[in-house]
Amino acid sequence: MDCIFCRIIAGELPSNKVYEDEKILAFRDIAPISPVHVIVVPKIHMDSLNDIGGDSAGYACHALKKLPEIAAIEGTTDGYRVVSNIGENGGQSVRHLHFHIIGGKKLGVNFA
């Protein structure tokens, strides 16, 4: 499989790691759109939220539960945004389920 996030999880590609456990890896985005921009990926491959089911549901749920802890590690305790893009029209550029933690400043409401 030629998934960049799978290669990062396997240690084949470098990342600026923020958090890791047996089910997820969190690392800083290489092209941040905010002072805090962390990517959280389950350690099993699934394309997007549309593919959650069976064993993968536990990985996705674990990632969601860990978001506040990871945001706090980055000092984002006064609010942050969580985004998961789905499909090309939804802006998904890597076909591996991932969550963006975006914060570190007051965010606007424009999502376009």
PDB file of N, CA and C in Angstrom:
ATOM      1  N   MET A   1       0.852  -1.185   0.000  1.00  0.00           N
ATOM      2  CA  MET A   1       0.000   0.000   0.000  1.00  0.00           C
ATOM      3  C   MET A   1       0.890   1.238   0.000  1.00  0.00           C
ATOM      4  N   ASP A   2       0.525   2.223  -0.793  1.00  0.00           N
ATOM      5  CA  ASP A   2       1.317   3.430  -0.884  1.00  0.00           C
ATOM      6  C   ASP A   2       0.595   4.583  -0.193  1.00  0.00           C
ATOM      7  N   CYS A   3       0.307   4.417   1.078  1.00  0.00           N
ATOM      8  CA  CYS A   3      -0.372   5.438   1.872  1.00  0.00           C
ATOM      9  C   CYS A   3       0.684   6.164   2.700  1.00  0.00           C
ATOM     10  N   ILE A   4       0.769   7.477   2.528  1.00  0.00           N
ATOM     11  CA  ILE A   4       1.785   8.243   3.238  1.00  0.00           C
ATOM     12  C   ILE A   4       1.610   8.140   4.757  1.00  0.00           C
ATOM     13  N   PHE A   5       0.372   8.116   5.246  1.00  0.00           N
ATOM     14  CA  PHE A   5       0.168   8.014   6.689  1.00  0.00           C
ATOM     15  C   PHE A   5       0.542   6.624   7.204  1.00  0.00           C
ATOM     16  N   CYS A   6       0.273   5.579   6.426  1.00  0.00           N
ATOM     17  CA  CYS A   6       0.716   4.233   6.825  1.00  0.00           C
ATOM     18  C   CYS A   6       2.246   4.176   6.897  1.00  0.00           C
ATOM     19  N   ARG A   7       2.904   4.857   5.980  1.00  0.00           N
ATOM     20  CA  ARG A   7       4.377   4.885   5.975  1.00  0.00           C
ATOM     21  C   ARG A   7       4.914   5.675   7.165  1.00  0.00           C
ATOM     22  N   ILE A   8       4.237   6.745   7.549  1.00  0.00           N
ATOM     23  CA  ILE A   8       4.634   7.495   8.753  1.00  0.00           C
ATOM     24  C   ILE A   8       4.439   6.627   9.987  1.00  0.00           C
ATOM     25  N   ILE A   9       3.302   5.955  10.090  1.00  0.00           N
ATOM     26  CA  ILE A   9       3.027   5.066  11.230  1.00  0.00           C
ATOM     27  C   ILE A   9       4.083   3.971  11.326  1.00  0.00           C
ATOM     28  N   ALA A  10       4.499   3.413  10.181  1.00  0.00           N
ATOM     29  CA  ALA A  10       5.501   2.334  10.150  1.00  0.00           C
ATOM     30  C   ALA A  10       6.915   2.839  10.422  1.00  0.00           C
ATOM     31  N   GLY A  11       7.093   4.160  10.497  1.00  0.00           N
ATOM     32  CA  GLY A  11       8.418   4.716  10.735  1.00  0.00           C
ATOM     33  C   GLY A  11       9.260   4.843   9.473  1.00  0.00           C
ATOM     34  N   GLU A  12       8.666   4.628   8.319  1.00  0.00           N
ATOM     35  CA  GLU A  12       9.392   4.735   7.048  1.00  0.00           C
ATOM     36  C   GLU A  12       9.606   6.189   6.632  1.00  0.00           C
ATOM     37  N   LEU A  13       8.729   7.072   7.094  1.00  0.00           N
ATOM     38  CA  LEU A  13       8.837   8.504   6.819  1.00  0.00           C
ATOM     39  C   LEU A  13       8.854   9.258   8.148  1.00  0.00           C
ATOM     40  N   PRO A  14       9.584  10.368   8.219  1.00  0.00           N
ATOM     41  CA  PRO A  14       9.657  11.111   9.481  1.00  0.00           C
ATOM     42  C   PRO A  14       8.376  11.896   9.756  1.00  0.00           C
ATOM     43  N   SER A  15       8.177  12.197  11.029  1.00  0.00           N
ATOM     44  CA  SER A  15       7.085  13.079  11.444  1.00  0.00           C
ATOM     45  C   SER A  15       7.518  13.799  12.711  1.00  0.00           C
ATOM     46  N   ASN A  16       6.858  14.894  12.981  1.00  0.00           N
ATOM     47  CA  ASN A  16       7.104  15.648  14.210  1.00  0.00           C
ATOM     48  C   ASN A  16       6.031  15.208  15.207  1.00  0.00           C
ATOM     49  N   LYS A  17       6.334  14.112  15.902  1.00  0.00           N
ATOM     50  CA  LYS A  17       5.357  13.434  16.753  1.00  0.00           C
ATOM     51  C   LYS A  17       4.968  14.271  17.969  1.00  0.00           C
ATOM     52  N   VAL A  18       3.660  14.269  18.241  1.00  0.00           N
ATOM     53  CA  VAL A  18       3.100  14.938  19.405  1.00  0.00           C
ATOM     54  C   VAL A  18       2.657  13.908  20.439  1.00  0.00           C
ATOM     55  N   TYR A  19       2.088  12.793  19.973  1.00  0.00           N
ATOM     56  CA  TYR A  19       1.533  11.762  20.859  1.00  0.00           C
ATOM     57  C   TYR A  19       1.492  10.450  20.091  1.00  0.00           C
ATOM     58  N   GLU A  20       1.687   9.356  20.837  1.00  0.00           N
ATOM     59  CA  GLU A  20       1.549   8.030  20.237  1.00  0.00           C
ATOM     60  C   GLU A  20       1.163   7.034  21.310  1.00  0.00           C
ATOM     61  N   ASP A  21       0.277   6.111  20.944  1.00  0.00           N
ATOM     62  CA  ASP A  21      -0.011   4.955  21.785  1.00  0.00           C
ATOM     63  C   ASP A  21      -0.242   3.765  20.857  1.00  0.00           C
ATOM     64  N   GLU A  22      -0.824   2.701  21.361  1.00  0.00           N
ATOM     65  CA  GLU A  22      -0.959   1.479  20.563  1.00  0.00           C
ATOM     66  C   GLU A  22      -1.965   1.610  19.418  1.00  0.00           C
ATOM     67  N   LYS A  23      -2.856   2.617  19.475  1.00  0.00           N
ATOM     68  CA  LYS A  23      -3.906   2.731  18.464  1.00  0.00           C
ATOM     69  C   LYS A  23      -3.817   3.957  17.569  1.00  0.00           C
ATOM     70  N   ILE A  24      -3.115   5.002  18.007  1.00  0.00           N
ATOM     71  CA  ILE A  24      -3.077   6.233  17.215  1.00  0.00           C
ATOM     72  C   ILE A  24      -1.687   6.867  17.228  1.00  0.00           C
ATOM     73  N   LEU A  25      -1.468   7.719  16.243  1.00  0.00           N
ATOM     74  CA  LEU A  25      -0.280   8.553  16.175  1.00  0.00           C
ATOM     75  C   LEU A  25      -0.751   9.967  15.868  1.00  0.00           C
ATOM     76  N   ALA A  26      -0.187  10.943  16.580  1.00  0.00           N
ATOM     77  CA  ALA A  26      -0.496  12.349  16.329  1.00  0.00           C
ATOM     78  C   ALA A  26       0.809  13.073  16.024  1.00  0.00           C
ATOM     79  N   PHE A  27       0.792  13.881  14.966  1.00  0.00           N
ATOM     80  CA  PHE A  27       1.994  14.604  14.564  1.00  0.00           C
ATOM     81  C   PHE A  27       1.607  15.956  13.975  1.00  0.00           C
ATOM     82  N   ARG A  28       2.556  16.889  13.991  1.00  0.00           N
ATOM     83  CA  ARG A  28       2.287  18.228  13.479  1.00  0.00           C
ATOM     84  C   ARG A  28       2.176  18.200  11.955  1.00  0.00           C
ATOM     85  N   ASP A  29       1.217  18.953  11.435  1.00  0.00           N
ATOM     86  CA  ASP A  29       1.007  19.062   9.988  1.00  0.00           C
ATOM     87  C   ASP A  29       2.205  19.771   9.359  1.00  0.00           C
ATOM     88  N   ILE A  30       2.633  19.309   8.192  1.00  0.00           N
ATOM     89  CA  ILE A  30       3.793  19.921   7.528  1.00  0.00           C
ATOM     90  C   ILE A  30       3.436  21.250   6.859  1.00  0.00           C
ATOM     91  N   ALA A  31       2.152  21.534   6.696  1.00  0.00           N
ATOM     92  CA  ALA A  31       1.705  22.801   6.118  1.00  0.00           C
ATOM     93  C   ALA A  31       0.597  23.374   7.009  1.00  0.00           C
ATOM     94  N   PRO A  32       0.956  23.817   8.221  1.00  0.00           N
ATOM     95  CA  PRO A  32      -0.075  24.241   9.179  1.00  0.00           C
ATOM     96  C   PRO A  32      -0.850  25.468   8.707  1.00  0.00           C
ATOM     97  N   ILE A  33      -2.142  25.482   9.039  1.00  0.00           N
ATOM     98  CA  ILE A  33      -2.987  26.633   8.719  1.00  0.00           C
ATOM     99  C   ILE A  33      -3.271  27.470   9.962  1.00  0.00           C
ATOM    100  N   SER A  34      -2.690  27.075  11.095  1.00  0.00           N
ATOM    101  CA  SER A  34      -2.902  27.748  12.364  1.00  0.00           C
ATOM    102  C   SER A  34      -1.685  27.449  13.248  1.00  0.00           C
ATOM    103  N   PRO A  35      -1.474  28.236  14.306  1.00  0.00           N
ATOM    104  CA  PRO A  35      -0.330  27.946  15.178  1.00  0.00           C
ATOM    105  C   PRO A  35      -0.303  26.507  15.707  1.00  0.00           C
ATOM    106  N   VAL A  36      -1.477  25.955  15.970  1.00  0.00           N
ATOM    107  CA  VAL A  36      -1.588  24.537  16.327  1.00  0.00           C
ATOM    108  C   VAL A  36      -2.313  23.838  15.186  1.00  0.00           C
ATOM    109  N   HIS A  37      -1.641  22.860  14.589  1.00  0.00           N
ATOM    110  CA  HIS A  37      -2.266  22.061  13.527  1.00  0.00           C
ATOM    111  C   HIS A  37      -1.650  20.667  13.600  1.00  0.00           C
ATOM    112  N   VAL A  38      -2.380  19.773  14.231  1.00  0.00           N
ATOM    113  CA  VAL A  38      -1.925  18.402  14.476  1.00  0.00           C
ATOM    114  C   VAL A  38      -2.817  17.443  13.709  1.00  0.00           C
ATOM    115  N   ILE A  39      -2.204  16.412  13.147  1.00  0.00           N
ATOM    116  CA  ILE A  39      -2.925  15.343  12.454  1.00  0.00           C
ATOM    117  C   ILE A  39      -2.959  14.130  13.385  1.00  0.00           C
ATOM    118  N   VAL A  40      -4.132  13.550  13.582  1.00  0.00           N
ATOM    119  CA  VAL A  40      -4.297  12.354  14.422  1.00  0.00           C
ATOM    120  C   VAL A  40      -4.776  11.226  13.517  1.00  0.00           C
ATOM    121  N   VAL A  41      -3.994  10.138  13.460  1.00  0.00           N
ATOM    122  CA  VAL A  41      -4.321   9.022  12.570  1.00  0.00           C
ATOM    123  C   VAL A  41      -4.430   7.714  13.349  1.00  0.00           C
ATOM    124  N   PRO A  42      -5.465   6.920  13.072  1.00  0.00           N
ATOM    125  CA  PRO A  42      -5.510   5.564  13.614  1.00  0.00           C
ATOM    126  C   PRO A  42      -4.381   4.739  12.993  1.00  0.00           C
ATOM    127  N   LYS A  43      -3.874   3.785  13.736  1.00  0.00           N
ATOM    128  CA  LYS A  43      -2.766   2.955  13.264  1.00  0.00           C
ATOM    129  C   LYS A  43      -3.213   1.786  12.385  1.00  0.00           C
ATOM    130  N   ILE A  44      -4.465   1.755  12.003  1.00  0.00           N
ATOM    131  CA  ILE A  44      -4.921   0.811  10.984  1.00  0.00           C
ATOM    132  C   ILE A  44      -5.479   1.640   9.837  1.00  0.00           C
ATOM    133  N   HIS A  45      -5.360   1.117   8.636  1.00  0.00           N
ATOM    134  CA  HIS A  45      -5.801   1.879   7.477  1.00  0.00           C
ATOM    135  C   HIS A  45      -7.293   1.721   7.243  1.00  0.00           C
ATOM    136  N   MET A  46      -7.934   2.849   7.098  1.00  0.00           N
ATOM    137  CA  MET A  46      -9.293   2.951   6.562  1.00  0.00           C
ATOM    138  C   MET A  46      -9.323   4.279   5.826  1.00  0.00           C
ATOM    139  N   ASP A  47     -10.028   4.350   4.731  1.00  0.00           N
ATOM    140  CA  ASP A  47      -9.975   5.545   3.893  1.00  0.00           C
ATOM    141  C   ASP A  47     -10.524   6.800   4.567  1.00  0.00           C
ATOM    142  N   SER A  48     -11.664   6.684   5.250  1.00  0.00           N
ATOM    143  CA  SER A  48     -12.306   7.869   5.833  1.00  0.00           C
ATOM    144  C   SER A  48     -13.319   7.436   6.889  1.00  0.00           C
ATOM    145  N   LEU A  49     -14.014   8.411   7.438  1.00  0.00           N
ATOM    146  CA  LEU A  49     -15.081   8.108   8.393  1.00  0.00           C
ATOM    147  C   LEU A  49     -16.145   7.194   7.791  1.00  0.00           C
ATOM    148  N   ASN A  50     -16.289   7.225   6.478  1.00  0.00           N
ATOM    149  CA  ASN A  50     -17.270   6.368   5.807  1.00  0.00           C
ATOM    150  C   ASN A  50     -16.943   4.890   5.938  1.00  0.00           C
ATOM    151  N   ASP A  51     -15.707   4.553   6.282  1.00  0.00           N
ATOM    152  CA  ASP A  51     -15.265   3.156   6.332  1.00  0.00           C
ATOM    153  C   ASP A  51     -15.200   2.572   7.736  1.00  0.00           C
ATOM    154  N   ILE A  52     -15.713   3.284   8.713  1.00  0.00           N
ATOM    155  CA  ILE A  52     -15.663   2.786  10.085  1.00  0.00           C
ATOM    156  C   ILE A  52     -16.644   1.635  10.254  1.00  0.00           C
ATOM    157  N   GLY A  53     -16.154   0.551  10.836  1.00  0.00           N
ATOM    158  CA  GLY A  53     -16.979  -0.611  11.115  1.00  0.00           C
ATOM    159  C   GLY A  53     -16.117  -1.709  11.702  1.00  0.00           C
ATOM    160  N   GLY A  54     -16.711  -2.608  12.411  1.00  0.00           N
ATOM    161  CA  GLY A  54     -15.956  -3.724  12.992  1.00  0.00           C
ATOM    162  C   GLY A  54     -14.830  -3.232  13.883  1.00  0.00           C
ATOM    163  N   ASP A  55     -13.639  -3.813  13.718  1.00  0.00           N
ATOM    164  CA  ASP A  55     -12.480  -3.460  14.539  1.00  0.00           C
ATOM    165  C   ASP A  55     -12.059  -2.008  14.378  1.00  0.00           C
ATOM    166  N   SER A  56     -12.275  -1.441  13.196  1.00  0.00           N
ATOM    167  CA  SER A  56     -11.834  -0.069  12.964  1.00  0.00           C
ATOM    168  C   SER A  56     -12.601   0.936  13.822  1.00  0.00           C
ATOM    169  N   ALA A  57     -13.811   0.611  14.228  1.00  0.00           N
ATOM    170  CA  ALA A  57     -14.602   1.525  15.053  1.00  0.00           C
ATOM    171  C   ALA A  57     -13.898   1.822  16.377  1.00  0.00           C
ATOM    172  N   GLY A  58     -13.266   0.824  16.952  1.00  0.00           N
ATOM    173  CA  GLY A  58     -12.543   1.031  18.208  1.00  0.00           C
ATOM    174  C   GLY A  58     -11.371   1.981  18.051  1.00  0.00           C
ATOM    175  N   TYR A  59     -10.685   1.906  16.906  1.00  0.00           N
ATOM    176  CA  TYR A  59      -9.563   2.807  16.641  1.00  0.00           C
ATOM    177  C   TYR A  59     -10.048   4.239  16.457  1.00  0.00           C
ATOM    178  N   ALA A  60     -11.122   4.413  15.705  1.00  0.00           N
ATOM    179  CA  ALA A  60     -11.664   5.749  15.464  1.00  0.00           C
ATOM    180  C   ALA A  60     -12.184   6.362  16.759  1.00  0.00           C
ATOM    181  N   CYS A  61     -12.887   5.577  17.550  1.00  0.00           N
ATOM    182  CA  CYS A  61     -13.416   6.064  18.829  1.00  0.00           C
ATOM    183  C   CYS A  61     -12.276   6.450  19.765  1.00  0.00           C
ATOM    184  N   HIS A  62     -11.238   5.646  19.800  1.00  0.00           N
ATOM    185  CA  HIS A  62     -10.070   5.951  20.640  1.00  0.00           C
ATOM    186  C   HIS A  62      -9.448   7.276  20.210  1.00  0.00           C
ATOM    187  N   ALA A  63      -9.323   7.485  18.902  1.00  0.00           N
ATOM    188  CA  ALA A  63      -8.763   8.748  18.400  1.00  0.00           C
ATOM    189  C   ALA A  63      -9.610   9.920  18.874  1.00  0.00           C
ATOM    190  N   LEU A  64     -10.927   9.801  18.760  1.00  0.00           N
ATOM    191  CA  LEU A  64     -11.811  10.880  19.189  1.00  0.00           C
ATOM    192  C   LEU A  64     -11.688  11.152  20.686  1.00  0.00           C
ATOM    193  N   LYS A  65     -11.585  10.111  21.483  1.00  0.00           N
ATOM    194  CA  LYS A  65     -11.443  10.277  22.935  1.00  0.00           C
ATOM    195  C   LYS A  65     -10.144  10.983  23.297  1.00  0.00           C
ATOM    196  N   LYS A  66      -9.093  10.780  22.508  1.00  0.00           N
ATOM    197  CA  LYS A  66      -7.775  11.349  22.809  1.00  0.00           C
ATOM    198  C   LYS A  66      -7.595  12.782  22.313  1.00  0.00           C
ATOM    199  N   LEU A  67      -8.519  13.291  21.489  1.00  0.00           N
ATOM    200  CA  LEU A  67      -8.364  14.629  20.935  1.00  0.00           C
ATOM    201  C   LEU A  67      -8.157  15.707  22.003  1.00  0.00           C
ATOM    202  N   PRO A  68      -8.954  15.745  23.094  1.00  0.00           N
ATOM    203  CA  PRO A  68      -8.732  16.791  24.103  1.00  0.00           C
ATOM    204  C   PRO A  68      -7.341  16.706  24.744  1.00  0.00           C
ATOM    205  N   GLU A  69      -6.859  15.505  25.000  1.00  0.00           N
ATOM    206  CA  GLU A  69      -5.530  15.328  25.589  1.00  0.00           C
ATOM    207  C   GLU A  69      -4.439  15.830  24.644  1.00  0.00           C
ATOM    208  N   ILE A  70      -4.575  15.500  23.371  1.00  0.00           N
ATOM    209  CA  ILE A  70      -3.576  15.931  22.390  1.00  0.00           C
ATOM    210  C   ILE A  70      -3.625  17.446  22.223  1.00  0.00           C
ATOM    211  N   ALA A  71      -4.813  18.021  22.185  1.00  0.00           N
ATOM    212  CA  ALA A  71      -4.933  19.481  22.100  1.00  0.00           C
ATOM    213  C   ALA A  71      -4.273  20.142  23.308  1.00  0.00           C
ATOM    214  N   ALA A  72      -4.464  19.565  24.486  1.00  0.00           N
ATOM    215  CA  ALA A  72      -3.853  20.118  25.706  1.00  0.00           C
ATOM    216  C   ALA A  72      -2.329  20.032  25.655  1.00  0.00           C
ATOM    217  N   ILE A  73      -1.793  18.952  25.107  1.00  0.00           N
ATOM    218  CA  ILE A  73      -0.341  18.813  24.951  1.00  0.00           C
ATOM    219  C   ILE A  73       0.203  19.994  24.146  1.00  0.00           C
ATOM    220  N   GLU A  74      -0.557  20.423  23.156  1.00  0.00           N
ATOM    221  CA  GLU A  74      -0.149  21.539  22.298  1.00  0.00           C
ATOM    222  C   GLU A  74      -0.510  22.903  22.885  1.00  0.00           C
ATOM    223  N   GLY A  75      -1.098  22.912  24.095  1.00  0.00           N
ATOM    224  CA  GLY A  75      -1.435  24.169  24.753  1.00  0.00           C
ATOM    225  C   GLY A  75      -2.727  24.799  24.274  1.00  0.00           C
ATOM    226  N   THR A  76      -3.545  24.046  23.590  1.00  0.00           N
ATOM    227  CA  THR A  76      -4.803  24.556  23.045  1.00  0.00           C
ATOM    228  C   THR A  76      -5.945  24.183  23.979  1.00  0.00           C
ATOM    229  N   THR A  77      -6.021  24.890  25.098  1.00  0.00           N
ATOM    230  CA  THR A  77      -7.048  24.581  26.092  1.00  0.00           C
ATOM    231  C   THR A  77      -8.218  25.553  26.039  1.00  0.00           C
ATOM    232  N   ASP A  78      -8.110  26.614  25.238  1.00  0.00           N
ATOM    233  CA  ASP A  78      -9.168  27.619  25.176  1.00  0.00           C
ATOM    234  C   ASP A  78     -10.033  27.478  23.933  1.00  0.00           C
ATOM    235  N   GLY A  79     -10.009  26.320  23.320  1.00  0.00           N
ATOM    236  CA  GLY A  79     -10.837  26.051  22.152  1.00  0.00           C
ATOM    237  C   GLY A  79     -10.008  25.644  20.951  1.00  0.00           C
ATOM    238  N   TYR A  80     -10.566  24.763  20.168  1.00  0.00           N
ATOM    239  CA  TYR A  80      -9.902  24.270  18.958  1.00  0.00           C
ATOM    240  C   TYR A  80     -10.961  23.688  18.043  1.00  0.00           C
ATOM    241  N   ARG A  81     -10.569  23.433  16.815  1.00  0.00           N
ATOM    242  CA  ARG A  81     -11.465  22.848  15.828  1.00  0.00           C
ATOM    243  C   ARG A  81     -10.958  21.456  15.477  1.00  0.00           C
ATOM    244  N   VAL A  82     -11.878  20.525  15.238  1.00  0.00           N
ATOM    245  CA  VAL A  82     -11.538  19.183  14.769  1.00  0.00           C
ATOM    246  C   VAL A  82     -12.200  19.001  13.411  1.00  0.00           C
ATOM    247  N   VAL A  83     -11.393  18.588  12.419  1.00  0.00           N
ATOM    248  CA  VAL A  83     -11.893  18.424  11.056  1.00  0.00           C
ATOM    249  C   VAL A  83     -11.484  17.049  10.552  1.00  0.00           C
ATOM    250  N   SER A  84     -12.404  16.387   9.867  1.00  0.00           N
ATOM    251  CA  SER A  84     -12.088  15.164   9.144  1.00  0.00           C
ATOM    252  C   SER A  84     -12.741  15.270   7.775  1.00  0.00           C
ATOM    253  N   ASN A  85     -11.926  15.451   6.756  1.00  0.00           N
ATOM    254  CA  ASN A  85     -12.424  15.580   5.390  1.00  0.00           C
ATOM    255  C   ASN A  85     -12.721  14.188   4.827  1.00  0.00           C
ATOM    256  N   ILE A  86     -13.753  14.113   3.987  1.00  0.00           N
ATOM    257  CA  ILE A  86     -14.151  12.837   3.399  1.00  0.00           C
ATOM    258  C   ILE A  86     -14.261  13.003   1.886  1.00  0.00           C
ATOM    259  N   GLY A  87     -13.439  12.273   1.167  1.00  0.00           N
ATOM    260  CA  GLY A  87     -13.475  12.272  -0.289  1.00  0.00           C
ATOM    261  C   GLY A  87     -12.882  13.526  -0.913  1.00  0.00           C
ATOM    262  N   GLU A  88     -12.658  13.432  -2.212  1.00  0.00           N
ATOM    263  CA  GLU A  88     -12.039  14.524  -2.953  1.00  0.00           C
ATOM    264  C   GLU A  88     -12.843  15.822  -2.857  1.00  0.00           C
ATOM    265  N   ASN A  89     -14.161  15.749  -3.022  1.00  0.00           N
ATOM    266  CA  ASN A  89     -14.992  16.958  -2.945  1.00  0.00           C
ATOM    267  C   ASN A  89     -15.058  17.522  -1.533  1.00  0.00           C
ATOM    268  N   GLY A  90     -14.755  16.701  -0.540  1.00  0.00           N
ATOM    269  CA  GLY A  90     -14.713  17.159   0.840  1.00  0.00           C
ATOM    270  C   GLY A  90     -13.351  17.690   1.246  1.00  0.00           C
ATOM    271  N   GLY A  91     -12.406  17.681   0.316  1.00  0.00           N
ATOM    272  CA  GLY A  91     -11.078  18.220   0.594  1.00  0.00           C
ATOM    273  C   GLY A  91     -10.088  17.218   1.144  1.00  0.00           C
ATOM    274  N   GLN A  92     -10.412  15.921   1.100  1.00  0.00           N
ATOM    275  CA  GLN A  92      -9.498  14.906   1.632  1.00  0.00           C
ATOM    276  C   GLN A  92      -8.349  14.696   0.651  1.00  0.00           C
ATOM    277  N   SER A  93      -7.123  14.966   1.117  1.00  0.00           N
ATOM    278  CA  SER A  93      -5.958  14.822   0.242  1.00  0.00           C
ATOM    279  C   SER A  93      -5.190  13.525   0.499  1.00  0.00           C
ATOM    280  N   VAL A  94      -5.365  12.921   1.670  1.00  0.00           N
ATOM    281  CA  VAL A  94      -4.738  11.635   1.982  1.00  0.00           C
ATOM    282  C   VAL A  94      -5.849  10.659   2.324  1.00  0.00           C
ATOM    283  N   ARG A  95      -5.926   9.552   1.592  1.00  0.00           N
ATOM    284  CA  ARG A  95      -6.989   8.565   1.780  1.00  0.00           C
ATOM    285  C   ARG A  95      -6.643   7.623   2.931  1.00  0.00           C
ATOM    286  N   HIS A  96      -6.593   8.177   4.139  1.00  0.00           N
ATOM    287  CA  HIS A  96      -6.416   7.446   5.393  1.00  0.00           C
ATOM    288  C   HIS A  96      -7.158   8.295   6.414  1.00  0.00           C
ATOM    289  N   LEU A  97      -8.078   7.695   7.141  1.00  0.00           N
ATOM    290  CA  LEU A  97      -8.839   8.457   8.136  1.00  0.00           C
ATOM    291  C   LEU A  97      -7.890   9.258   9.002  1.00  0.00           C
ATOM    292  N   HIS A  98      -8.165  10.540   9.134  1.00  0.00           N
ATOM    293  CA  HIS A  98      -7.365  11.385  10.022  1.00  0.00           C
ATOM    294  C   HIS A  98      -8.205  12.567  10.486  1.00  0.00           C
ATOM    295  N   PHE A  99      -7.808  13.088  11.622  1.00  0.00           N
ATOM    296  CA  PHE A  99      -8.462  14.237  12.225  1.00  0.00           C
ATOM    297  C   PHE A  99      -7.446  15.355  12.352  1.00  0.00           C
ATOM    298  N   HIS A 100      -7.852  16.559  11.963  1.00  0.00           N
ATOM    299  CA  HIS A 100      -7.019  17.739  12.145  1.00  0.00           C
ATOM    300  C   HIS A 100      -7.446  18.411  13.448  1.00  0.00           C
ATOM    301  N   ILE A 101      -6.501  18.691  14.320  1.00  0.00           N
ATOM    302  CA  ILE A 101      -6.738  19.552  15.480  1.00  0.00           C
ATOM    303  C   ILE A 101      -6.149  20.902  15.098  1.00  0.00           C
ATOM    304  N   ILE A 102      -7.009  21.918  15.033  1.00  0.00           N
ATOM    305  CA  ILE A 102      -6.596  23.239  14.583  1.00  0.00           C
ATOM    306  C   ILE A 102      -6.932  24.242  15.684  1.00  0.00           C
ATOM    307  N   GLY A 103      -5.957  25.033  16.089  1.00  0.00           N
ATOM    308  CA  GLY A 103      -6.196  26.015  17.146  1.00  0.00           C
ATOM    309  C   GLY A 103      -4.992  26.907  17.355  1.00  0.00           C
ATOM    310  N   GLY A 104      -4.923  27.439  18.557  1.00  0.00           N
ATOM    311  CA  GLY A 104      -3.816  28.331  18.901  1.00  0.00           C
ATOM    312  C   GLY A 104      -4.100  29.780  18.588  1.00  0.00           C
ATOM    313  N   LYS A 105      -5.291  30.067  18.056  1.00  0.00           N
ATOM    314  CA  LYS A 105      -5.737  31.430  17.786  1.00  0.00           C
ATOM    315  C   LYS A 105      -7.253  31.397  17.667  1.00  0.00           C
ATOM    316  N   LYS A 106      -7.867  32.582  17.671  1.00  0.00           N
ATOM    317  CA  LYS A 106      -9.323  32.647  17.481  1.00  0.00           C
ATOM    318  C   LYS A 106      -9.627  32.285  16.030  1.00  0.00           C
ATOM    319  N   LEU A 107     -10.471  31.293  15.837  1.00  0.00           N
ATOM    320  CA  LEU A 107     -10.813  30.809  14.509  1.00  0.00           C
ATOM    321  C   LEU A 107     -12.108  31.441  14.030  1.00  0.00           C
ATOM    322  N   GLY A 108     -12.185  31.707  12.737  1.00  0.00           N
ATOM    323  CA  GLY A 108     -13.397  32.234  12.135  1.00  0.00           C
ATOM    324  C   GLY A 108     -14.406  31.137  11.892  1.00  0.00           C
ATOM    325  N   VAL A 109     -15.523  31.480  11.307  1.00  0.00           N
ATOM    326  CA  VAL A 109     -16.571  30.498  11.048  1.00  0.00           C
ATOM    327  C   VAL A 109     -16.638  30.093   9.582  1.00  0.00           C
ATOM    328  N   ASN A 110     -15.808  30.649   8.738  1.00  0.00           N
ATOM    329  CA  ASN A 110     -15.831  30.320   7.310  1.00  0.00           C
ATOM    330  C   ASN A 110     -15.200  28.957   7.087  1.00  0.00           C
ATOM    331  N   PHE A 111     -15.937  28.029   6.524  1.00  0.00           N
ATOM    332  CA  PHE A 111     -15.440  26.670   6.280  1.00  0.00           C
ATOM    333  C   PHE A 111     -15.119  26.433   4.811  1.00  0.00           C
ATOM    334  N   ALA A 112     -15.353  27.399   3.947  1.00  0.00           N
ATOM    335  CA  ALA A 112     -15.127  27.217   2.504  1.00  0.00           C
ATOM    336  C   ALA A 112     -13.667  27.413   2.151  1.00  0.00           C
TER     337      ALA A 112
END
